[in-house]
Amino acid sequence: MKVKTSITLERELLEAIDERYPNRSEFIERLIRKELWEERKREWEARDAELYARHAEELNTQALESLEDQTEP
């Protein structure tokens, strides 16, 4: 459900939007959705990086053991 809201923008910014996009609300909504998605993605990537860092030694040991197993005759 859509809800009417009000925001304040610089006049020049609003004019630039209106020149390029026939539906101002759709344009702003799309940009907000995109930014929210990118923010979530950054949070997930930071969480993943923290997990990798926390378990890096164990993962590296397992990888080296696997490589050693592959090179044994």
PDB file of N, CA and C in Angstrom:
ATOM      1  N   MET A   1       0.844  -1.178   0.000  1.00  0.00           N
ATOM      2  CA  MET A   1       0.000   0.000   0.000  1.00  0.00           C
ATOM      3  C   MET A   1       0.891   1.244   0.000  1.00  0.00           C
ATOM      4  N   LYS A   2       0.596   2.124  -0.877  1.00  0.00           N
ATOM      5  CA  LYS A   2       1.363   3.366  -0.962  1.00  0.00           C
ATOM      6  C   LYS A   2       0.789   4.390   0.006  1.00  0.00           C
ATOM      7  N   VAL A   3       1.693   5.197   0.565  1.00  0.00           N
ATOM      8  CA  VAL A   3       1.317   6.240   1.503  1.00  0.00           C
ATOM      9  C   VAL A   3       1.890   7.550   0.997  1.00  0.00           C
ATOM     10  N   LYS A   4       1.091   8.559   0.982  1.00  0.00           N
ATOM     11  CA  LYS A   4       1.553   9.876   0.539  1.00  0.00           C
ATOM     12  C   LYS A   4       2.447  10.468   1.629  1.00  0.00           C
ATOM     13  N   THR A   5       3.576  11.033   1.177  1.00  0.00           N
ATOM     14  CA  THR A   5       4.511  11.648   2.106  1.00  0.00           C
ATOM     15  C   THR A   5       5.054  12.923   1.488  1.00  0.00           C
ATOM     16  N   SER A   6       5.790  13.647   2.260  1.00  0.00           N
ATOM     17  CA  SER A   6       6.365  14.895   1.772  1.00  0.00           C
ATOM     18  C   SER A   6       7.844  14.933   2.117  1.00  0.00           C
ATOM     19  N   ILE A   7       8.663  15.350   1.146  1.00  0.00           N
ATOM     20  CA  ILE A   7      10.096  15.531   1.395  1.00  0.00           C
ATOM     21  C   ILE A   7      10.503  16.893   0.882  1.00  0.00           C
ATOM     22  N   THR A   8      11.609  17.378   1.365  1.00  0.00           N
ATOM     23  CA  THR A   8      12.123  18.671   0.936  1.00  0.00           C
ATOM     24  C   THR A   8      13.412  18.443   0.156  1.00  0.00           C
ATOM     25  N   LEU A   9      13.448  18.986  -1.069  1.00  0.00           N
ATOM     26  CA  LEU A   9      14.618  18.843  -1.925  1.00  0.00           C
ATOM     27  C   LEU A   9      15.038  20.218  -2.453  1.00  0.00           C
ATOM     28  N   GLU A  10      16.282  20.316  -2.831  1.00  0.00           N
ATOM     29  CA  GLU A  10      16.755  21.528  -3.491  1.00  0.00           C
ATOM     30  C   GLU A  10      15.965  21.700  -4.793  1.00  0.00           C
ATOM     31  N   ARG A  11      15.624  22.913  -5.127  1.00  0.00           N
ATOM     32  CA  ARG A  11      14.857  23.193  -6.333  1.00  0.00           C
ATOM     33  C   ARG A  11      15.554  22.651  -7.579  1.00  0.00           C
ATOM     34  N   GLU A  12      16.869  22.850  -7.669  1.00  0.00           N
ATOM     35  CA  GLU A  12      17.617  22.397  -8.842  1.00  0.00           C
ATOM     36  C   GLU A  12      17.559  20.877  -8.986  1.00  0.00           C
ATOM     37  N   LEU A  13      17.605  20.174  -7.880  1.00  0.00           N
ATOM     38  CA  LEU A  13      17.522  18.716  -7.908  1.00  0.00           C
ATOM     39  C   LEU A  13      16.150  18.270  -8.411  1.00  0.00           C
ATOM     40  N   LEU A  14      15.124  18.876  -7.905  1.00  0.00           N
ATOM     41  CA  LEU A  14      13.772  18.543  -8.330  1.00  0.00           C
ATOM     42  C   LEU A  14      13.572  18.841  -9.820  1.00  0.00           C
ATOM     43  N   GLU A  15      14.091  19.957 -10.280  1.00  0.00           N
ATOM     44  CA  GLU A  15      13.985  20.300 -11.698  1.00  0.00           C
ATOM     45  C   GLU A  15      14.723  19.282 -12.572  1.00  0.00           C
ATOM     46  N   ALA A  16      15.894  18.840 -12.114  1.00  0.00           N
ATOM     47  CA  ALA A  16      16.661  17.855 -12.873  1.00  0.00           C
ATOM     48  C   ALA A  16      15.909  16.526 -12.947  1.00  0.00           C
ATOM     49  N   ILE A  17      15.282  16.132 -11.860  1.00  0.00           N
ATOM     50  CA  ILE A  17      14.481  14.900 -11.852  1.00  0.00           C
ATOM     51  C   ILE A  17      13.316  15.047 -12.824  1.00  0.00           C
ATOM     52  N   ASP A  18      12.606  16.152 -12.738  1.00  0.00           N
ATOM     53  CA  ASP A  18      11.427  16.358 -13.574  1.00  0.00           C
ATOM     54  C   ASP A  18      11.774  16.416 -15.062  1.00  0.00           C
ATOM     55  N   GLU A  19      12.946  16.930 -15.400  1.00  0.00           N
ATOM     56  CA  GLU A  19      13.372  16.984 -16.801  1.00  0.00           C
ATOM     57  C   GLU A  19      13.581  15.591 -17.382  1.00  0.00           C
ATOM     58  N   ARG A  20      14.013  14.655 -16.545  1.00  0.00           N
ATOM     59  CA  ARG A  20      14.425  13.339 -17.033  1.00  0.00           C
ATOM     60  C   ARG A  20      13.391  12.228 -16.814  1.00  0.00           C
ATOM     61  N   TYR A  21      12.548  12.396 -15.811  1.00  0.00           N
ATOM     62  CA  TYR A  21      11.657  11.299 -15.431  1.00  0.00           C
ATOM     63  C   TYR A  21      10.223  11.793 -15.352  1.00  0.00           C
ATOM     64  N   PRO A  22       9.325  11.154 -16.105  1.00  0.00           N
ATOM     65  CA  PRO A  22       7.936  11.610 -16.103  1.00  0.00           C
ATOM     66  C   PRO A  22       7.209  11.329 -14.787  1.00  0.00           C
ATOM     67  N   ASN A  23       7.652  10.310 -14.052  1.00  0.00           N
ATOM     68  CA  ASN A  23       6.989   9.986 -12.794  1.00  0.00           C
ATOM     69  C   ASN A  23       7.991  10.139 -11.655  1.00  0.00           C
ATOM     70  N   ARG A  24       7.957  11.276 -11.041  1.00  0.00           N
ATOM     71  CA  ARG A  24       8.901  11.613  -9.969  1.00  0.00           C
ATOM     72  C   ARG A  24       8.843  10.595  -8.831  1.00  0.00           C
ATOM     73  N   SER A  25       7.652  10.209  -8.414  1.00  0.00           N
ATOM     74  CA  SER A  25       7.511   9.280  -7.288  1.00  0.00           C
ATOM     75  C   SER A  25       8.140   7.930  -7.584  1.00  0.00           C
ATOM     76  N   GLU A  26       7.905   7.408  -8.793  1.00  0.00           N
ATOM     77  CA  GLU A  26       8.510   6.118  -9.161  1.00  0.00           C
ATOM     78  C   GLU A  26      10.029   6.199  -9.142  1.00  0.00           C
ATOM     79  N   PHE A  27      10.553   7.293  -9.666  1.00  0.00           N
ATOM     80  CA  PHE A  27      12.003   7.471  -9.695  1.00  0.00           C
ATOM     81  C   PHE A  27      12.582   7.490  -8.280  1.00  0.00           C
ATOM     82  N   ILE A  28      12.003   8.274  -7.407  1.00  0.00           N
ATOM     83  CA  ILE A  28      12.498   8.383  -6.028  1.00  0.00           C
ATOM     84  C   ILE A  28      12.341   7.054  -5.299  1.00  0.00           C
ATOM     85  N   GLU A  29      11.200   6.388  -5.494  1.00  0.00           N
ATOM     86  CA  GLU A  29      10.988   5.087  -4.849  1.00  0.00           C
ATOM     87  C   GLU A  29      12.030   4.072  -5.321  1.00  0.00           C
ATOM     88  N   ARG A  30      12.314   4.053  -6.631  1.00  0.00           N
ATOM     89  CA  ARG A  30      13.311   3.120  -7.164  1.00  0.00           C
ATOM     90  C   ARG A  30      14.697   3.381  -6.563  1.00  0.00           C
ATOM     91  N   LEU A  31      15.067   4.644  -6.440  1.00  0.00           N
ATOM     92  CA  LEU A  31      16.368   4.974  -5.851  1.00  0.00           C
ATOM     93  C   LEU A  31      16.449   4.584  -4.381  1.00  0.00           C
ATOM     94  N   ILE A  32      15.377   4.782  -3.658  1.00  0.00           N
ATOM     95  CA  ILE A  32      15.363   4.407  -2.240  1.00  0.00           C
ATOM     96  C   ILE A  32      15.472   2.895  -2.092  1.00  0.00           C
ATOM     97  N   ARG A  33      14.710   2.153  -2.908  1.00  0.00           N
ATOM     98  CA  ARG A  33      14.795   0.687  -2.855  1.00  0.00           C
ATOM     99  C   ARG A  33      16.209   0.209  -3.171  1.00  0.00           C
ATOM    100  N   LYS A  34      16.800   0.815  -4.185  1.00  0.00           N
ATOM    101  CA  LYS A  34      18.163   0.442  -4.575  1.00  0.00           C
ATOM    102  C   LYS A  34      19.139   0.709  -3.433  1.00  0.00           C
ATOM    103  N   GLU A  35      19.041   1.855  -2.791  1.00  0.00           N
ATOM    104  CA  GLU A  35      19.945   2.198  -1.694  1.00  0.00           C
ATOM    105  C   GLU A  35      19.740   1.268  -0.507  1.00  0.00           C
ATOM    106  N   LEU A  36      18.492   0.944  -0.192  1.00  0.00           N
ATOM    107  CA  LEU A  36      18.227   0.015   0.914  1.00  0.00           C
ATOM    108  C   LEU A  36      18.818  -1.357   0.615  1.00  0.00           C
ATOM    109  N   TRP A  37      18.683  -1.822  -0.630  1.00  0.00           N
ATOM    110  CA  TRP A  37      19.258  -3.102  -1.024  1.00  0.00           C
ATOM    111  C   TRP A  37      20.781  -3.070  -0.892  1.00  0.00           C
ATOM    112  N   GLU A  38      21.399  -2.001  -1.380  1.00  0.00           N
ATOM    113  CA  GLU A  38      22.853  -1.875  -1.301  1.00  0.00           C
ATOM    114  C   GLU A  38      23.326  -1.839   0.156  1.00  0.00           C
ATOM    115  N   GLU A  39      22.572  -1.182   1.009  1.00  0.00           N
ATOM    116  CA  GLU A  39      22.922  -1.134   2.432  1.00  0.00           C
ATOM    117  C   GLU A  39      22.856  -2.528   3.052  1.00  0.00           C
ATOM    118  N   ARG A  40      21.783  -3.283   2.747  1.00  0.00           N
ATOM    119  CA  ARG A  40      21.681  -4.658   3.244  1.00  0.00           C
ATOM    120  C   ARG A  40      22.831  -5.505   2.725  1.00  0.00           C
ATOM    121  N   LYS A  41      23.157  -5.345   1.459  1.00  0.00           N
ATOM    122  CA  LYS A  41      24.245  -6.103   0.849  1.00  0.00           C
ATOM    123  C   LYS A  41      25.573  -5.797   1.559  1.00  0.00           C
ATOM    124  N   ARG A  42      25.832  -4.522   1.852  1.00  0.00           N
ATOM    125  CA  ARG A  42      27.056  -4.161   2.587  1.00  0.00           C
ATOM    126  C   ARG A  42      27.071  -4.803   3.976  1.00  0.00           C
ATOM    127  N   GLU A  43      25.917  -4.840   4.635  1.00  0.00           N
ATOM    128  CA  GLU A  43      25.829  -5.479   5.960  1.00  0.00           C
ATOM    129  C   GLU A  43      26.123  -6.970   5.853  1.00  0.00           C
ATOM    130  N   TRP A  44      25.549  -7.641   4.838  1.00  0.00           N
ATOM    131  CA  TRP A  44      25.802  -9.076   4.662  1.00  0.00           C
ATOM    132  C   TRP A  44      27.275  -9.331   4.371  1.00  0.00           C
ATOM    133  N   GLU A  45      27.871  -8.502   3.514  1.00  0.00           N
ATOM    134  CA  GLU A  45      29.275  -8.682   3.164  1.00  0.00           C
ATOM    135  C   GLU A  45      30.183  -8.459   4.378  1.00  0.00           C
ATOM    136  N   ALA A  46      29.843  -7.482   5.195  1.00  0.00           N
ATOM    137  CA  ALA A  46      30.628  -7.232   6.410  1.00  0.00           C
ATOM    138  C   ALA A  46      30.502  -8.408   7.372  1.00  0.00           C
ATOM    139  N   ARG A  47      29.295  -8.940   7.512  1.00  0.00           N
ATOM    140  CA  ARG A  47      29.090 -10.105   8.370  1.00  0.00           C
ATOM    141  C   ARG A  47      29.879 -11.302   7.858  1.00  0.00           C
ATOM    142  N   ASP A  48      29.835 -11.534   6.551  1.00  0.00           N
ATOM    143  CA  ASP A  48      30.579 -12.645   5.961  1.00  0.00           C
ATOM    144  C   ASP A  48      32.079 -12.473   6.151  1.00  0.00           C
ATOM    145  N   ALA A  49      32.570 -11.263   5.948  1.00  0.00           N
ATOM    146  CA  ALA A  49      33.997 -11.004   6.119  1.00  0.00           C
ATOM    147  C   ALA A  49      34.425 -11.263   7.560  1.00  0.00           C
ATOM    148  N   GLU A  50      33.570 -10.887   8.509  1.00  0.00           N
ATOM    149  CA  GLU A  50      33.878 -11.121   9.922  1.00  0.00           C
ATOM    150  C   GLU A  50      33.926 -12.623  10.215  1.00  0.00           C
ATOM    151  N   LEU A  51      32.982 -13.364   9.634  1.00  0.00           N
ATOM    152  CA  LEU A  51      32.975 -14.815   9.836  1.00  0.00           C
ATOM    153  C   LEU A  51      34.218 -15.461   9.232  1.00  0.00           C
ATOM    154  N   TYR A  52      34.574 -15.051   8.017  1.00  0.00           N
ATOM    155  CA  TYR A  52      35.774 -15.596   7.389  1.00  0.00           C
ATOM    156  C   TYR A  52      37.016 -15.285   8.213  1.00  0.00           C
ATOM    157  N   ALA A  53      37.098 -14.053   8.702  1.00  0.00           N
ATOM    158  CA  ALA A  53      38.266 -13.651   9.501  1.00  0.00           C
ATOM    159  C   ALA A  53      38.332 -14.472  10.789  1.00  0.00           C
ATOM    160  N   ARG A  54      37.176 -14.704  11.404  1.00  0.00           N
ATOM    161  CA  ARG A  54      37.141 -15.452  12.657  1.00  0.00           C
ATOM    162  C   ARG A  54      37.591 -16.903  12.452  1.00  0.00           C
ATOM    163  N   HIS A  55      37.302 -17.453  11.277  1.00  0.00           N
ATOM    164  CA  HIS A  55      37.611 -18.857  11.022  1.00  0.00           C
ATOM    165  C   HIS A  55      38.720 -19.052   9.993  1.00  0.00           C
ATOM    166  N   ALA A  56      39.458 -17.989   9.689  1.00  0.00           N
ATOM    167  CA  ALA A  56      40.464 -18.027   8.630  1.00  0.00           C
ATOM    168  C   ALA A  56      41.523 -19.099   8.871  1.00  0.00           C
ATOM    169  N   GLU A  57      42.041 -19.180  10.078  1.00  0.00           N
ATOM    170  CA  GLU A  57      43.105 -20.148  10.356  1.00  0.00           C
ATOM    171  C   GLU A  57      42.617 -21.577  10.093  1.00  0.00           C
ATOM    172  N   GLU A  58      41.446 -21.896  10.591  1.00  0.00           N
ATOM    173  CA  GLU A  58      40.895 -23.237  10.391  1.00  0.00           C
ATOM    174  C   GLU A  58      40.633 -23.515   8.904  1.00  0.00           C
ATOM    175  N   LEU A  59      40.070 -22.547   8.211  1.00  0.00           N
ATOM    176  CA  LEU A  59      39.783 -22.723   6.787  1.00  0.00           C
ATOM    177  C   LEU A  59      41.067 -22.881   5.976  1.00  0.00           C
ATOM    178  N   ASN A  60      42.090 -22.088   6.317  1.00  0.00           N
ATOM    179  CA  ASN A  60      43.361 -22.193   5.608  1.00  0.00           C
ATOM    180  C   ASN A  60      44.018 -23.548   5.855  1.00  0.00           C
ATOM    181  N   THR A  61      43.946 -24.025   7.071  1.00  0.00           N
ATOM    182  CA  THR A  61      44.511 -25.340   7.387  1.00  0.00           C
ATOM    183  C   THR A  61      43.802 -26.425   6.589  1.00  0.00           C
ATOM    184  N   GLN A  62      42.492 -26.370   6.530  1.00  0.00           N
ATOM    185  CA  GLN A  62      41.731 -27.360   5.768  1.00  0.00           C
ATOM    186  C   GLN A  62      42.072 -27.294   4.284  1.00  0.00           C
ATOM    187  N   ALA A  63      42.225 -26.094   3.757  1.00  0.00           N
ATOM    188  CA  ALA A  63      42.552 -25.943   2.341  1.00  0.00           C
ATOM    189  C   ALA A  63      43.935 -26.514   2.045  1.00  0.00           C
ATOM    190  N   LEU A  64      44.913 -26.220   2.914  1.00  0.00           N
ATOM    191  CA  LEU A  64      46.261 -26.754   2.712  1.00  0.00           C
ATOM    192  C   LEU A  64      46.275 -28.272   2.797  1.00  0.00           C
ATOM    193  N   GLU A  65      45.546 -28.831   3.742  1.00  0.00           N
ATOM    194  CA  GLU A  65      45.465 -30.294   3.859  1.00  0.00           C
ATOM    195  C   GLU A  65      44.846 -30.905   2.603  1.00  0.00           C
ATOM    196  N   SER A  66      43.842 -30.262   2.081  1.00  0.00           N
ATOM    197  CA  SER A  66      43.195 -30.750   0.871  1.00  0.00           C
ATOM    198  C   SER A  66      44.161 -30.710  -0.312  1.00  0.00           C
ATOM    199  N   LEU A  67      44.922 -29.626  -0.413  1.00  0.00           N
ATOM    200  CA  LEU A  67      45.915 -29.525  -1.489  1.00  0.00           C
ATOM    201  C   LEU A  67      47.002 -30.584  -1.335  1.00  0.00           C
ATOM    202  N   GLU A  68      47.435 -30.826  -0.108  1.00  0.00           N
ATOM    203  CA  GLU A  68      48.447 -31.839   0.120  1.00  0.00           C
ATOM    204  C   GLU A  68      47.929 -33.226  -0.273  1.00  0.00           C
ATOM    205  N   ASP A  69      46.679 -33.515   0.038  1.00  0.00           N
ATOM    206  CA  ASP A  69      46.076 -34.793  -0.325  1.00  0.00           C
ATOM    207  C   ASP A  69      46.044 -34.951  -1.845  1.00  0.00           C
ATOM    208  N   GLN A  70      45.840 -33.872  -2.565  1.00  0.00           N
ATOM    209  CA  GLN A  70      45.755 -33.932  -4.025  1.00  0.00           C
ATOM    210  C   GLN A  70      47.126 -34.144  -4.672  1.00  0.00           C
ATOM    211  N   THR A  71      48.195 -33.736  -3.999  1.00  0.00           N
ATOM    212  CA  THR A  71      49.528 -33.834  -4.591  1.00  0.00           C
ATOM    213  C   THR A  71      50.257 -35.115  -4.209  1.00  0.00           C
ATOM    214  N   GLU A  72      49.712 -35.862  -3.263  1.00  0.00           N
ATOM    215  CA  GLU A  72      50.361 -37.124  -2.863  1.00  0.00           C
ATOM    216  C   GLU A  72      50.181 -38.151  -3.963  1.00  0.00           C
ATOM    217  N   PRO A  73      51.275 -38.933  -4.266  1.00  0.00           N
ATOM    218  CA  PRO A  73      51.185 -39.941  -5.340  1.00  0.00           C
ATOM    219  C   PRO A  73      50.259 -41.090  -4.971  1.00  0.00           C
TER     220      PRO A  73
END
